[in-house]
Structure formats: C-alpha cells, structure tokens
N, C-alpha and C. Protein backbone atom coordinates (compact mmCIF):
# COMPACT_ATOMS: atom_id res chain seq x y z
N UNK A 1 -73.10 -29.32 -186.83
CA UNK A 1 -74.52 -29.07 -187.08
C UNK A 1 -74.71 -27.91 -188.07
N UNK A 2 -75.70 -28.04 -188.94
CA UNK A 2 -75.98 -27.01 -189.93
C UNK A 2 -76.85 -25.88 -189.37
N UNK A 3 -77.63 -26.17 -188.36
CA UNK A 3 -78.54 -25.16 -187.81
C UNK A 3 -77.85 -24.37 -186.70
N UNK A 4 -78.16 -23.11 -186.57
CA UNK A 4 -79.06 -22.33 -187.41
C UNK A 4 -78.34 -21.86 -188.69
N UNK A 5 -78.88 -22.25 -189.81
CA UNK A 5 -78.27 -21.98 -191.11
C UNK A 5 -78.12 -20.48 -191.37
N UNK A 6 -79.14 -19.70 -191.01
CA UNK A 6 -79.06 -18.25 -191.24
C UNK A 6 -77.87 -17.63 -190.51
N UNK A 7 -77.58 -18.07 -189.32
CA UNK A 7 -76.43 -17.53 -188.55
C UNK A 7 -75.11 -17.89 -189.23
N UNK A 8 -75.04 -19.07 -189.82
CA UNK A 8 -73.81 -19.48 -190.52
C UNK A 8 -73.55 -18.55 -191.70
N UNK A 9 -74.59 -18.27 -192.50
CA UNK A 9 -74.42 -17.37 -193.64
C UNK A 9 -74.10 -15.95 -193.18
N UNK A 10 -74.73 -15.51 -192.10
CA UNK A 10 -74.44 -14.17 -191.58
C UNK A 10 -72.99 -14.05 -191.13
N UNK A 11 -72.44 -15.13 -190.62
CA UNK A 11 -71.04 -15.10 -190.18
C UNK A 11 -70.07 -14.92 -191.35
N UNK A 12 -70.54 -15.19 -192.57
CA UNK A 12 -69.75 -14.96 -193.78
C UNK A 12 -70.10 -13.62 -194.43
N UNK A 13 -70.74 -12.74 -193.65
CA UNK A 13 -71.06 -11.39 -194.08
C UNK A 13 -72.09 -11.36 -195.22
N UNK A 14 -73.06 -12.25 -195.16
CA UNK A 14 -74.13 -12.30 -196.16
C UNK A 14 -75.40 -11.70 -195.60
N UNK A 15 -76.24 -11.14 -196.47
CA UNK A 15 -77.59 -10.75 -196.10
C UNK A 15 -78.44 -12.01 -196.15
N UNK A 16 -79.18 -12.28 -195.08
CA UNK A 16 -79.97 -13.51 -195.01
C UNK A 16 -81.43 -13.18 -194.74
N UNK A 17 -82.30 -13.78 -195.53
CA UNK A 17 -83.75 -13.62 -195.35
C UNK A 17 -84.34 -15.02 -195.20
N UNK A 18 -85.00 -15.27 -194.06
CA UNK A 18 -85.67 -16.55 -193.82
C UNK A 18 -87.15 -16.38 -194.15
N UNK A 19 -87.68 -17.30 -194.96
CA UNK A 19 -89.06 -17.19 -195.41
C UNK A 19 -89.77 -18.54 -195.36
N UNK A 20 -91.10 -18.47 -195.51
CA UNK A 20 -91.92 -19.66 -195.68
C UNK A 20 -91.81 -20.03 -197.16
N UNK A 21 -91.16 -21.10 -197.47
CA UNK A 21 -90.93 -21.51 -198.84
C UNK A 21 -92.16 -21.98 -199.58
N UNK A 22 -93.30 -22.03 -198.90
CA UNK A 22 -94.56 -22.41 -199.55
C UNK A 22 -95.41 -21.17 -199.85
N UNK A 23 -94.93 -19.99 -199.49
CA UNK A 23 -95.70 -18.76 -199.67
C UNK A 23 -95.11 -17.97 -200.83
N UNK A 24 -95.83 -17.94 -201.95
CA UNK A 24 -95.31 -17.30 -203.16
C UNK A 24 -95.03 -15.82 -202.95
N UNK A 25 -95.85 -15.12 -202.15
CA UNK A 25 -95.61 -13.70 -201.89
C UNK A 25 -94.30 -13.49 -201.15
N UNK A 26 -94.02 -14.33 -200.15
CA UNK A 26 -92.75 -14.22 -199.42
C UNK A 26 -91.57 -14.51 -200.34
N UNK A 27 -91.72 -15.49 -201.22
CA UNK A 27 -90.64 -15.83 -202.16
C UNK A 27 -90.36 -14.64 -203.08
N UNK A 28 -91.42 -14.09 -203.67
CA UNK A 28 -91.26 -12.96 -204.59
C UNK A 28 -90.67 -11.74 -203.89
N UNK A 29 -91.15 -11.43 -202.69
CA UNK A 29 -90.61 -10.29 -201.94
C UNK A 29 -89.14 -10.49 -201.61
N UNK A 30 -88.77 -11.69 -201.22
CA UNK A 30 -87.36 -11.97 -200.90
C UNK A 30 -86.48 -11.82 -202.13
N UNK A 31 -86.99 -12.24 -203.29
CA UNK A 31 -86.21 -12.13 -204.52
C UNK A 31 -86.04 -10.67 -204.96
N UNK A 32 -87.02 -9.84 -204.64
CA UNK A 32 -86.97 -8.43 -205.04
C UNK A 32 -86.04 -7.60 -204.17
N UNK A 33 -85.83 -8.02 -202.93
CA UNK A 33 -85.03 -7.23 -202.00
C UNK A 33 -83.55 -7.31 -202.36
N UNK A 34 -82.93 -6.16 -202.34
CA UNK A 34 -81.50 -6.12 -202.59
C UNK A 34 -80.89 -5.14 -201.60
N UNK A 35 -79.88 -5.59 -200.90
CA UNK A 35 -79.23 -4.76 -199.90
C UNK A 35 -77.74 -4.70 -200.20
N UNK A 36 -77.19 -3.54 -200.14
CA UNK A 36 -75.76 -3.26 -200.36
C UNK A 36 -75.06 -4.25 -201.29
N UNK A 37 -73.80 -4.43 -201.11
CA UNK A 37 -73.01 -5.27 -202.02
C UNK A 37 -72.68 -6.65 -201.45
N UNK A 38 -73.39 -7.05 -200.43
CA UNK A 38 -73.16 -8.38 -199.85
C UNK A 38 -73.96 -9.43 -200.63
N UNK A 39 -73.53 -10.68 -200.57
CA UNK A 39 -74.33 -11.75 -201.17
C UNK A 39 -75.68 -11.86 -200.44
N UNK A 40 -76.74 -12.10 -201.19
CA UNK A 40 -78.07 -12.27 -200.62
C UNK A 40 -78.42 -13.75 -200.59
N UNK A 41 -78.81 -14.22 -199.41
CA UNK A 41 -79.17 -15.62 -199.21
C UNK A 41 -80.62 -15.68 -198.78
N UNK A 42 -81.40 -16.57 -199.41
CA UNK A 42 -82.77 -16.81 -199.01
C UNK A 42 -82.84 -18.23 -198.44
N UNK A 43 -83.25 -18.34 -197.19
CA UNK A 43 -83.45 -19.64 -196.56
C UNK A 43 -84.96 -19.88 -196.56
N UNK A 44 -85.39 -20.80 -197.41
CA UNK A 44 -86.82 -21.09 -197.56
C UNK A 44 -87.18 -22.33 -196.74
N UNK A 45 -87.92 -22.11 -195.68
CA UNK A 45 -88.36 -23.23 -194.83
C UNK A 45 -89.55 -23.91 -195.51
N UNK A 46 -89.44 -25.21 -195.73
CA UNK A 46 -90.48 -25.96 -196.41
C UNK A 46 -90.76 -27.26 -195.69
N UNK A 47 -91.88 -27.88 -196.06
CA UNK A 47 -92.23 -29.21 -195.58
C UNK A 47 -92.16 -30.12 -196.79
N UNK A 48 -91.30 -31.10 -196.73
CA UNK A 48 -91.14 -32.02 -197.86
C UNK A 48 -92.44 -32.78 -198.13
N UNK A 49 -92.85 -32.80 -199.38
CA UNK A 49 -94.06 -33.50 -199.77
C UNK A 49 -95.34 -32.80 -199.37
N UNK A 50 -95.26 -31.53 -199.00
CA UNK A 50 -96.42 -30.80 -198.50
C UNK A 50 -97.59 -30.86 -199.48
N UNK A 51 -98.76 -31.16 -198.92
CA UNK A 51 -99.97 -31.18 -199.72
C UNK A 51 -100.40 -32.56 -200.19
N UNK A 52 -99.53 -33.54 -200.03
CA UNK A 52 -99.87 -34.90 -200.41
C UNK A 52 -99.76 -35.77 -199.15
N UNK A 53 -100.90 -36.24 -198.69
CA UNK A 53 -100.98 -36.88 -197.37
C UNK A 53 -99.96 -37.99 -197.16
N UNK A 54 -99.80 -38.86 -198.12
CA UNK A 54 -98.90 -40.00 -197.91
C UNK A 54 -97.43 -39.66 -198.16
N UNK A 55 -97.14 -38.47 -198.66
CA UNK A 55 -95.76 -38.07 -198.92
C UNK A 55 -95.22 -37.08 -197.88
N UNK A 56 -96.13 -36.33 -197.26
CA UNK A 56 -95.71 -35.24 -196.37
C UNK A 56 -94.85 -35.75 -195.22
N UNK A 57 -93.67 -35.14 -195.10
CA UNK A 57 -92.69 -35.45 -194.04
C UNK A 57 -92.25 -36.90 -194.01
N UNK A 58 -92.28 -37.57 -195.15
CA UNK A 58 -91.85 -38.96 -195.22
C UNK A 58 -90.51 -39.06 -195.96
N UNK A 59 -89.52 -39.58 -195.28
CA UNK A 59 -88.18 -39.73 -195.86
C UNK A 59 -88.21 -40.63 -197.09
N UNK A 60 -89.11 -41.57 -197.13
CA UNK A 60 -89.22 -42.50 -198.25
C UNK A 60 -89.25 -41.78 -199.60
N UNK A 61 -89.92 -40.61 -199.65
CA UNK A 61 -90.10 -39.91 -200.92
C UNK A 61 -88.91 -39.06 -201.32
N UNK A 62 -87.83 -39.16 -200.57
CA UNK A 62 -86.57 -38.51 -200.99
C UNK A 62 -85.91 -39.32 -202.10
N UNK A 63 -86.24 -40.58 -202.20
CA UNK A 63 -85.56 -41.44 -203.18
C UNK A 63 -86.51 -42.35 -203.97
N UNK A 64 -87.77 -42.39 -203.60
CA UNK A 64 -88.75 -43.28 -204.26
C UNK A 64 -89.61 -42.48 -205.23
N UNK A 65 -89.87 -43.06 -206.38
CA UNK A 65 -90.80 -42.46 -207.35
C UNK A 65 -92.18 -43.06 -207.14
N UNK A 66 -93.23 -42.26 -207.32
CA UNK A 66 -94.57 -42.82 -207.14
C UNK A 66 -94.94 -43.75 -208.30
N UNK A 67 -95.69 -44.80 -207.97
CA UNK A 67 -96.22 -45.64 -209.03
C UNK A 67 -97.44 -44.93 -209.62
N UNK A 68 -98.08 -45.51 -210.60
CA UNK A 68 -99.20 -44.85 -211.29
C UNK A 68 -100.34 -44.50 -210.33
N UNK A 69 -100.70 -45.45 -209.46
CA UNK A 69 -101.79 -45.23 -208.50
C UNK A 69 -101.45 -44.09 -207.53
N UNK A 70 -100.21 -44.08 -207.03
CA UNK A 70 -99.78 -43.02 -206.11
C UNK A 70 -99.74 -41.66 -206.82
N UNK A 71 -99.28 -41.66 -208.06
CA UNK A 71 -99.23 -40.42 -208.83
C UNK A 71 -100.62 -39.83 -208.99
N UNK A 72 -101.58 -40.65 -209.36
CA UNK A 72 -102.96 -40.18 -209.54
C UNK A 72 -103.52 -39.65 -208.22
N UNK A 73 -103.32 -40.39 -207.14
CA UNK A 73 -103.81 -39.95 -205.83
C UNK A 73 -103.16 -38.64 -205.42
N UNK A 74 -101.84 -38.52 -205.59
CA UNK A 74 -101.13 -37.30 -205.25
C UNK A 74 -101.62 -36.09 -206.04
N UNK A 75 -101.80 -36.27 -207.34
CA UNK A 75 -102.30 -35.18 -208.18
C UNK A 75 -103.70 -34.76 -207.79
N UNK A 76 -104.54 -35.74 -207.41
CA UNK A 76 -105.89 -35.42 -206.95
C UNK A 76 -105.85 -34.59 -205.67
N UNK A 77 -104.95 -34.92 -204.76
CA UNK A 77 -104.84 -34.18 -203.50
C UNK A 77 -104.34 -32.75 -203.71
N UNK A 78 -103.57 -32.54 -204.75
CA UNK A 78 -103.05 -31.19 -205.01
C UNK A 78 -104.07 -30.28 -205.68
N UNK A 79 -105.11 -30.84 -206.25
CA UNK A 79 -106.15 -30.03 -206.91
C UNK A 79 -107.02 -29.32 -205.93
C-alpha cells in the first residue's frame, strides 16, 4: 500500500509537507519553505476533475478526452 505516503517519505529522512493541492496559498507557502539539507517533499491532496460536475472523481477522465460539447460545458463550469 502507498498510504500513508507522507510516512513513507519521512522514513527516507525527507521533510514532508501535506497540503490542499487546490489552495494556491498553501502551494506557494510549501514551495517557499526550506528546512535543513534534507529533500523536501510536498504531498498535494487533490480531487481529480475538481470543479467540473461530470468529471469530478470520475475514473473515466483519467484516459478519456472531452468531446466539443463536454469541453464547452466544462469550461463554462470553471468560469
């Protein structure tokens, strides 16, 4: 099992920061932080397809491209 991913990286003596991968402030703060000489790892928790109703948390969109109608609808939902 890969989880908990942060513990796995810590076991390799890495600095690990877990963040909300949809929050730009958390991303920027994590990128700015630097601690000692260990590798820095950022684990960004995200929701796949977030913000587009028909894509959110759907495995289908890991490999499928949207058609023109879906693209237009998705872009409208993101506005």
